[in-house]
Protein backbone atom coordinates (compact mmCIF):
# COMPACT_ATOMS: atom_id res chain seq x y z
CA MET A 1 34.65 -22.95 16.41
CA ASN A 2 32.65 -20.23 14.76
CA HIS A 3 31.82 -17.58 17.33
CA ASN A 4 30.02 -15.32 14.82
CA ALA A 5 27.05 -17.62 14.23
CA SER A 6 25.52 -17.56 17.72
CA PRO A 7 24.97 -13.79 18.08
CA SER A 8 23.39 -13.54 14.61
CA ALA A 9 19.87 -14.51 15.70
CA PRO A 10 19.74 -12.08 18.67
CA THR A 11 21.17 -9.36 16.44
CA ARG A 12 18.45 -9.87 13.83
CA ARG A 13 15.80 -9.95 16.53
CA THR A 14 17.10 -6.73 18.05
CA ARG A 15 17.20 -5.10 14.64
CA ARG A 16 13.58 -6.06 13.96
CA ILE A 17 12.48 -4.71 17.34
CA VAL A 18 14.29 -1.43 16.69
CA LEU A 19 12.78 -1.10 13.21
CA LEU A 20 9.31 -1.87 14.54
CA GLY A 21 9.73 0.67 17.32
CA LEU A 22 10.89 3.32 14.85
CA ALA A 23 7.91 2.58 12.59
CA VAL A 24 5.47 2.91 15.49
CA LEU A 25 7.17 6.13 16.62
CA ALA A 26 7.03 7.58 13.10
CA MET A 27 3.34 6.71 12.75
CA ALA A 28 2.54 8.18 16.16
CA SER A 29 4.42 11.36 15.25
CA ALA A 30 2.57 11.67 11.96
CA VAL A 31 -0.78 11.21 13.68
CA TYR A 32 0.17 13.83 16.28
CA VAL A 33 1.09 16.34 13.57
CA VAL A 34 -2.15 15.89 11.62
CA ARG A 35 -4.42 15.32 14.61
CA ARG A 36 -6.24 18.67 14.31
CA PRO A 37 -7.21 18.36 10.62
CA LEU A 38 -8.29 14.77 11.18
CA MET A 39 -10.41 15.64 14.18
CA MET A 40 -12.34 18.12 12.05
CA SER A 41 -13.89 15.17 10.20
CA ALA A 42 -14.34 13.01 13.30
CA PRO A 43 -17.91 14.17 14.15
CA MET A 44 -19.13 13.43 10.62
CA CYS A 45 -17.44 10.05 10.54
CA MET A 46 -18.71 9.08 13.98
CA ALA A 47 -22.23 10.01 12.88
CA GLY A 48 -21.90 7.79 9.82
CA ARG A 49 -22.41 10.65 7.38
CA TRP A 50 -21.07 10.36 3.88
CA HIS A 51 -20.63 14.08 3.27
CA GLY A 52 -17.89 15.53 5.40
CA CYS A 53 -16.25 12.14 6.01
CA PHE A 54 -15.82 9.84 3.03
CA ASP A 55 -15.80 12.66 0.49
CA THR A 56 -12.96 14.58 2.16
CA PHE A 57 -9.24 13.93 2.39
CA ASN A 58 -9.20 14.26 6.18
CA GLY A 59 -12.12 11.89 6.58
CA VAL A 60 -10.61 9.17 4.40
CA VAL A 61 -7.25 9.39 6.19
CA LEU A 62 -8.99 9.28 9.57
CA MET A 63 -11.02 6.19 8.67
CA THR A 64 -7.89 4.53 7.28
CA LEU A 65 -6.11 5.02 10.60
CA VAL A 66 -9.15 3.87 12.57
CA ALA A 67 -9.31 0.69 10.48
CA LEU A 68 -5.69 -0.25 11.24
CA PRO A 69 -6.58 -2.47 14.23
CA LEU A 70 -9.19 -4.27 12.11
CA ALA A 71 -6.61 -4.80 9.35
CA ALA A 72 -4.16 -6.21 11.89
CA LEU A 73 -6.87 -8.54 13.21
CA VAL A 74 -7.66 -9.78 9.70
CA ALA A 75 -3.97 -10.43 9.02
CA TRP A 76 -3.67 -12.34 12.30
CA ALA A 77 -6.75 -14.47 11.51
CA LEU A 78 -5.48 -15.30 8.02
CA ALA A 79 -2.03 -16.20 9.34
CA ARG A 80 -3.46 -18.39 12.08
CA ARG A 81 -5.68 -20.24 9.63
CA ARG A 82 -2.78 -20.84 7.25
CA ARG A 83 -0.44 -21.99 9.98
CA ALA A 84 -3.07 -24.47 11.10
CA THR A 85 -3.06 -26.02 7.62
CA GLY A 86 0.73 -26.12 7.50
CA VAL A 87 1.29 -23.29 5.00
CA THR A 88 4.80 -21.91 5.04
CA SER A 89 5.35 -18.13 5.32
CA ALA A 90 1.82 -17.71 6.64
CA TRP A 91 2.52 -14.37 8.30
CA ARG A 92 4.27 -12.93 5.26
CA MET A 93 1.44 -13.91 2.93
CA SER A 94 -1.28 -12.61 5.25
CA LEU A 95 0.44 -9.30 5.93
CA ALA A 96 1.08 -8.82 2.22
CA GLU A 97 -2.56 -9.43 1.29
CA VAL A 98 -3.93 -7.10 3.95
CA GLY A 99 -1.24 -4.49 3.27
CA MET A 100 -2.01 -4.39 -0.45
CA VAL A 101 -5.69 -3.75 0.18
CA HIS A 102 -5.46 -1.46 3.19
CA GLY A 103 -2.64 0.61 1.75
CA THR A 104 -4.01 0.98 -1.79
CA VAL A 105 -7.79 1.34 -1.58
CA PRO A 106 -7.79 4.64 0.40
CA PHE A 107 -5.38 6.31 -2.05
CA VAL A 108 -7.35 5.13 -5.07
CA TRP A 109 -10.50 6.39 -3.35
CA LEU A 110 -8.88 9.82 -2.94
CA THR A 111 -7.87 9.95 -6.61
CA MET A 112 -11.44 9.10 -7.64
CA MET A 113 -13.07 11.84 -5.57
CA PRO A 114 -15.12 14.11 -7.88
CA GLY A 115 -14.29 17.78 -8.16
CA ALA A 116 -16.66 20.72 -8.01
CA GLY A 117 -17.47 20.46 -11.72
CA ALA A 118 -17.95 16.70 -11.86
CA GLY A 119 -20.44 15.72 -14.54
CA ILE A 120 -20.38 19.22 -16.01
CA VAL A 121 -16.78 19.89 -17.01
CA PRO A 122 -15.65 17.62 -19.86
CA GLY A 123 -12.78 15.26 -19.33
CA ARG A 124 -9.29 16.72 -19.66
CA VAL A 125 -6.18 14.91 -20.79
CA SER A 126 -2.53 15.93 -20.52
CA LEU A 127 -0.24 13.73 -22.62
CA VAL A 128 2.92 15.85 -22.51
CA PRO A 129 5.40 14.19 -20.12
CA LEU A 130 6.81 16.22 -17.21
CA ARG A 131 4.60 19.23 -17.93
CA ASP A 132 2.34 18.77 -14.90
CA LEU A 133 5.09 18.06 -12.37
CA VAL A 134 5.55 21.77 -11.71
CA THR A 135 1.87 22.27 -10.92
CA MET A 136 1.74 19.20 -8.66
CA GLY A 137 4.03 20.67 -6.04
CA PRO A 138 5.92 18.63 -3.41
CA LEU A 139 2.73 17.49 -1.66
CA GLY A 140 1.14 16.35 -4.90
CA ILE A 141 4.24 14.45 -5.98
CA VAL A 142 4.50 12.67 -2.62
CA GLY A 143 0.81 11.82 -2.75
CA ASN A 144 1.13 10.35 -6.23
CA LEU A 145 4.16 8.33 -5.16
CA LEU A 146 2.09 6.77 -2.38
CA VAL A 147 -0.94 5.77 -4.50
CA PHE A 148 0.43 2.36 -5.49
CA ALA A 149 3.35 2.19 -3.05
CA SER A 150 1.66 -0.48 -0.94
CA LEU A 151 0.91 -2.50 -4.05
CA GLY A 152 4.53 -2.31 -5.14
CA PHE A 153 5.78 -3.13 -1.65
CA PHE A 154 3.58 -6.15 -0.92
CA ALA A 155 2.64 -7.63 -4.32
CA PRO A 156 6.04 -9.28 -4.99
CA MET A 157 6.06 -10.60 -1.43
CA ARG A 158 2.75 -12.37 -2.01
CA PHE A 159 2.97 -13.41 -5.66
CA ALA A 160 5.94 -14.71 -7.60
CA ALA A 161 4.73 -13.36 -10.97
CA PRO A 162 5.37 -9.63 -10.26
CA ALA A 163 8.59 -10.25 -8.33
CA SER A 164 10.84 -8.15 -10.55
CA VAL A 165 11.37 -4.43 -10.98
CA PRO A 166 10.18 -4.26 -14.64
CA ARG A 167 7.00 -6.17 -13.78
CA ILE A 168 6.27 -3.92 -10.81
CA LEU A 169 6.80 -0.93 -13.08
CA ALA A 170 4.32 -2.39 -15.57
CA LEU A 171 1.87 -3.21 -12.77
CA GLY A 172 2.00 0.29 -11.30
CA ALA A 173 1.72 1.94 -14.72
CA GLY A 174 -1.18 -0.32 -15.75
CA CYS A 175 -3.15 0.34 -12.56
CA SER A 176 -2.50 4.06 -12.89
CA VAL A 177 -3.70 4.06 -16.52
CA LEU A 178 -6.93 2.40 -15.38
CA VAL A 179 -7.46 5.07 -12.72
CA GLU A 180 -6.73 7.94 -15.11
CA THR A 181 -9.06 6.42 -17.72
CA ALA A 182 -11.83 6.08 -15.13
CA GLN A 183 -11.37 9.73 -14.15
CA TYR A 184 -11.79 10.77 -17.76
CA VAL A 185 -14.75 8.49 -18.55
CA LEU A 186 -16.64 9.38 -15.37
CA ARG A 187 -15.94 13.11 -15.84
CA LEU A 188 -14.76 13.67 -12.29
CA ASP A 189 -13.39 17.15 -12.99
CA ARG A 190 -9.83 15.84 -12.85
CA VAL A 191 -7.00 15.99 -15.33
CA SER A 192 -5.95 12.59 -16.66
CA SER A 193 -2.22 13.19 -16.91
CA VAL A 194 0.63 11.07 -18.14
CA ASP A 195 2.71 12.53 -15.32
CA ASP A 196 0.36 10.92 -12.80
CA VAL A 197 1.03 7.57 -14.44
CA LEU A 198 4.79 8.12 -14.36
CA VAL A 199 4.88 9.21 -10.72
CA ASN A 200 2.49 6.47 -9.58
CA ALA A 201 4.59 3.82 -11.33
CA ALA A 202 7.78 5.30 -9.85
CA GLY A 203 6.26 5.08 -6.38
CA ALA A 204 5.42 1.41 -6.89
CA VAL A 205 8.98 0.68 -8.04
CA LEU A 206 10.58 2.54 -5.13
CA ALA A 207 8.39 0.65 -2.67
CA ALA A 208 9.26 -2.65 -4.36
CA LEU A 209 12.96 -1.86 -4.03
CA ALA A 210 12.42 -1.18 -0.33
CA SER A 211 10.95 -4.69 0.17
CA ARG A 212 13.33 -6.43 -2.23
CA ARG A 213 15.25 -8.24 0.47
CA TRP A 214 12.05 -10.10 1.46
CA TRP A 215 10.54 -10.95 -1.91
CA ARG A 216 13.76 -11.98 -3.68
CA THR A 217 14.18 -14.95 -1.35
CA SER A 218 10.64 -16.20 -1.95
CA ALA A 219 10.16 -15.27 -5.60
CA HIS A 220 11.08 -18.70 -6.95
CA ALA A 221 9.68 -20.81 -4.14
CA PRO A 222 5.87 -21.25 -3.89
CA SER A 223 5.07 -20.37 -0.27
CA ASP A 224 1.29 -20.87 -0.54
CA ARG A 225 1.52 -24.65 -0.48
CA PRO A 226 1.16 -26.59 2.77
CA ARG A 227 4.12 -28.49 4.05
CA PRO A 228 3.94 -32.23 3.29
CA ALA A 229 3.03 -34.40 6.22
CA PRO A 230 5.92 -36.44 7.56
CA VAL A 231 5.87 -40.10 6.62
CA PRO A 232 6.19 -42.39 9.64
CA ALA A 233 9.29 -44.53 9.59
CA GLY A 234 8.93 -48.26 9.28
């Protein structure tokens, strides 16, 4: 008899509970650390004012955290609807869709915020690789890594087409090029840099590698099709 098969399910369940608890603890710790800067934008956001809320870093981060319960509710509703129609991997698909949107839109919004000289200062382009990394600093590099991290993490879990590292790299680089081009065309007083493209694409790839164990198993099997109804015998 194989005595190693029975404890496998409880072990996986315990591991998932521990990982979920660590994720919640990490998020709670991060919110506690940045609670004071976020609360500075709370009055403006609660009053529904654009200036002081949606045009500031603190305001956008605060509204992103406030919208987390709504995002979870949307994911639950999508999963429930899919499970009712017999779709396999309903929870994975729903979480991936909501995660891509909720984790990407706020960062893209931050990168598209106009500077003080928006509309006045002409567009600036930096095409020399690795020249702007020094001026970014650690905080800027981490921020650029996170811009398309959610897209890289969840896109291969939802769609089979980008389920490979080279395709995620191309996806992250392409989206970043679009953002940098929009910054230049709209004259947002930002530097359209090739280093931003490189770091954004690297962040998407690193996030995709972190979720590889989930999307490799479903990359070749279409999970968005409902299960066939059983045929009655006889």
